[in-house]
Structures are given as C-alpha cells and as structure tokens.
C-alpha cells in the first residue's frame, strides 16, 4: 500500500472518531477565529490606507484622522491576538480530545487485535496523525488575513 493511501486511510479513521457534537464545536471555533483573522486583515488594509492618506495629504493631519488610525491599529492588534488565541485553544482541545478518544479505543481493544495491528502502527496514529491535524489547524490562522490583505493592497 502506498504511503499516501495509508496516510489517507489513517486520516479517515481519525476523522470518523470525532463525534458530531465536538465537530460542530471545533467548526464554530475555527469559524470564529477565521472571522477575527479576516477582521485583522481588513483593518490592516484600512490602517495602511489611512496612514497613506495622512502622510501624503497636502494639509496637516487632523486629530480625527490620527484617532482613526490609532483605533484601526488597536483593533488590528486585538483581533489578531484574539484569532491566534482562539485557534491555539481549539487546536489544544482538539488534540486532547483526539488522544483521549484514541487511547480509549486502544484500551478497549482485545489484546489479540493489538498484536495483529502492531504497536508501531498504533503509536503512529496516537502521536503523528493527531499532530498533522493540529498543525493543519494552526495554518488556518494565517489564511484569512492574507486573503484580505493581498487583494486589499492590490485594490488600493
């Protein structure tokens, strides 16, 4: 069996272990994190536009312009930090739940079945495969801001 097919089979097995209730919870948390990250990306573009307007204007910047720029900078920082904390917490919870579920399955399996499967395969599932899911979730936090910043800068 090829490595890709074996990897895909293991990922499908792990995906089946996630209950619908916890899958909905994780989907909500990733969605909230994506919305916060998108807000961070959008505020970065607005901040850059405001900064350019203030720096390139012929007249002196007003207090309102500077307050708007500072507000956007604060909003960018808060939304970015919140998105990162949300996805980090979701990844930690997901990792814990998956490891607990897999450990329960291995603990409840008959010893003959464990001997047939092999300890090396069980350890791979318990250690490596859950890590792949967690690392994939951590990449999600950089995707939404990038999707807003790049087109926003191009359009600006």
Protein backbone atom coordinates (compact mmCIF):
# COMPACT_ATOMS: atom_id res chain seq x y z
CA UNK A 1 0.00 0.00 0.00
CA UNK A 2 1.43 3.39 -0.92
CA UNK A 3 2.32 5.89 1.79
CA UNK A 4 -0.27 8.41 0.57
CA UNK A 5 -3.05 5.84 0.61
CA UNK A 6 -2.01 4.65 4.07
CA UNK A 7 -1.92 8.25 5.32
CA UNK A 8 -5.35 8.96 3.80
CA UNK A 9 -6.79 5.81 5.39
CA UNK A 10 -5.47 6.82 8.81
CA UNK A 11 -6.82 10.35 8.43
CA UNK A 12 -10.25 8.99 7.51
CA UNK A 13 -10.19 6.73 10.56
CA UNK A 14 -9.34 9.64 12.85
CA UNK A 15 -11.96 11.86 11.23
CA UNK A 16 -14.62 9.23 11.94
CA UNK A 17 -13.71 9.27 15.63
CA UNK A 18 -14.75 12.89 16.07
CA UNK A 19 -18.35 12.99 17.20
CA UNK A 20 -20.80 15.33 15.52
CA UNK A 21 -21.14 17.39 18.70
CA UNK A 22 -17.42 18.07 19.05
CA UNK A 23 -17.02 18.53 15.28
CA UNK A 24 -19.63 21.30 15.41
CA UNK A 25 -17.82 22.91 18.34
CA UNK A 26 -14.48 22.83 16.53
CA UNK A 27 -16.03 24.14 13.33
CA UNK A 28 -17.57 27.06 15.26
CA UNK A 29 -14.27 27.87 16.96
CA UNK A 30 -12.34 27.76 13.68
CA UNK A 31 -15.05 29.92 12.09
CA UNK A 32 -14.83 32.50 14.88
CA UNK A 33 -11.06 32.51 14.57
CA UNK A 34 -11.30 32.96 10.81
CA UNK A 35 -13.71 35.88 11.21
CA UNK A 36 -11.40 37.54 13.73
CA UNK A 37 -8.41 36.97 11.47
CA UNK A 38 -10.33 38.38 8.50
CA UNK A 39 -11.19 41.43 10.61
CA UNK A 40 -7.49 41.81 11.41
CA UNK A 41 -6.60 41.62 7.72
CA UNK A 42 -9.27 44.13 6.78
CA UNK A 43 -8.20 46.59 9.48
CA UNK A 44 -4.58 46.33 8.31
CA UNK A 45 -5.64 47.42 4.84
CA UNK A 46 -7.77 50.25 6.25
CA UNK A 47 -4.90 51.32 8.51
CA UNK A 48 -2.49 51.44 5.59
CA UNK A 49 -4.97 53.45 3.54
CA UNK A 50 -5.49 55.90 6.41
CA UNK A 51 -1.76 56.16 7.03
CA UNK A 52 -1.11 56.90 3.36
CA UNK A 53 -3.88 59.49 3.36
CA UNK A 54 -2.38 61.24 6.39
CA UNK A 55 1.21 61.06 5.15
CA UNK A 56 0.52 62.06 1.56
CA UNK A 57 -2.02 64.79 2.18
CA UNK A 58 -1.10 68.37 1.41
CA UNK A 59 -2.78 69.64 4.54
CA UNK A 60 -1.92 68.82 8.12
CA UNK A 61 -3.50 65.72 9.60
CA UNK A 62 -6.45 66.37 11.84
CA UNK A 63 -6.95 64.85 15.25
CA UNK A 64 -9.81 62.77 13.83
CA UNK A 65 -7.52 61.25 11.20
CA UNK A 66 -4.94 60.33 13.82
CA UNK A 67 -7.59 58.94 16.18
CA UNK A 68 -9.00 56.83 13.34
CA UNK A 69 -5.52 55.47 12.54
CA UNK A 70 -4.81 54.64 16.19
CA UNK A 71 -8.22 52.99 16.56
CA UNK A 72 -7.55 50.83 13.49
CA UNK A 73 -4.14 49.88 14.84
CA UNK A 74 -5.62 48.86 18.20
CA UNK A 75 -8.44 46.94 16.51
CA UNK A 76 -5.91 45.14 14.30
CA UNK A 77 -3.84 44.11 17.30
CA UNK A 78 -6.82 42.93 19.35
CA UNK A 79 -8.47 40.96 16.56
CA UNK A 80 -5.20 39.35 15.51
CA UNK A 81 -4.36 38.34 19.09
CA UNK A 82 -7.89 37.02 19.68
CA UNK A 83 -7.82 34.98 16.48
CA UNK A 84 -4.48 33.43 17.37
CA UNK A 85 -5.58 32.59 20.93
CA UNK A 86 -8.84 31.10 19.66
CA UNK A 87 -7.17 28.82 17.10
CA UNK A 88 -4.42 27.83 19.56
CA UNK A 89 -7.01 26.88 22.19
CA UNK A 90 -9.08 24.99 19.63
CA UNK A 91 -6.01 23.07 18.45
CA UNK A 92 -5.10 22.18 22.04
CA UNK A 93 -8.66 20.99 22.82
CA UNK A 94 -8.83 19.05 19.57
CA UNK A 95 -5.50 17.36 20.24
CA UNK A 96 -6.57 16.39 23.75
CA UNK A 97 -9.96 15.05 22.65
CA UNK A 98 -8.47 13.03 19.80
CA UNK A 99 -5.77 11.49 22.00
CA UNK A 100 -8.29 10.61 24.72
CA UNK A 101 -10.64 9.03 22.17
CA UNK A 102 -7.87 7.05 20.51
CA UNK A 103 -6.45 5.91 23.85
CA UNK A 104 -9.89 4.68 24.93
CA UNK A 105 -10.27 2.76 21.67
CA UNK A 106 -6.86 1.14 22.06
CA UNK A 107 -7.53 0.38 25.74
CA UNK A 108 -10.85 -1.29 24.94
CA UNK A 109 -9.48 -3.35 22.06
CA UNK A 110 -8.74 -7.04 22.63
CA UNK A 111 -5.04 -7.82 23.07
CA UNK A 112 -5.07 -10.17 20.07
CA UNK A 113 -6.21 -7.33 17.84
CA UNK A 114 -3.48 -5.04 19.18
CA UNK A 115 -0.88 -7.72 18.44
CA UNK A 116 -2.23 -8.13 14.91
CA UNK A 117 -2.17 -4.40 14.17
CA UNK A 118 1.25 -3.87 15.70
CA UNK A 119 2.35 -1.41 18.33
CA UNK A 120 4.31 0.68 15.82
CA UNK A 121 1.13 1.44 13.85
CA UNK A 122 -0.83 2.26 16.98
CA UNK A 123 1.88 4.63 18.22
CA UNK A 124 1.99 6.31 14.82
CA UNK A 125 -1.73 7.00 14.98
CA UNK A 126 -1.55 8.23 18.57
CA UNK A 127 1.45 10.51 18.07
CA UNK A 128 1.91 11.54 14.44
CA UNK A 129 -1.57 11.65 12.95
CA UNK A 130 -3.12 13.85 15.62
CA UNK A 131 -0.17 16.22 15.20
CA UNK A 132 -0.94 16.54 11.50
CA UNK A 133 -4.46 17.73 12.28
CA UNK A 134 -3.21 20.20 14.88
CA UNK A 135 -0.57 21.64 12.56
CA UNK A 136 -3.17 22.00 9.79
CA UNK A 137 -5.39 23.96 12.18
CA UNK A 138 -2.55 26.29 13.05
CA UNK A 139 -2.12 27.24 9.38
CA UNK A 140 -5.74 28.41 9.28
CA UNK A 141 -4.93 31.48 11.38
CA UNK A 142 -2.73 32.99 8.68
CA UNK A 143 -5.05 32.29 5.76
CA UNK A 144 -7.95 34.75 6.36
CA UNK A 145 -5.79 37.85 6.96
CA UNK A 146 -3.76 37.04 3.87
CA UNK A 147 -6.94 36.65 1.81
CA UNK A 148 -7.95 40.20 2.82
CA UNK A 149 -4.58 41.96 2.91
CA UNK A 150 -3.30 40.97 -0.55
CA UNK A 151 -6.43 41.85 -2.59
CA UNK A 152 -6.96 44.96 -0.44
CA UNK A 153 -3.44 46.20 -1.11
CA UNK A 154 -3.78 45.40 -4.80
CA UNK A 155 -7.09 47.27 -4.97
CA UNK A 156 -5.67 50.21 -3.07
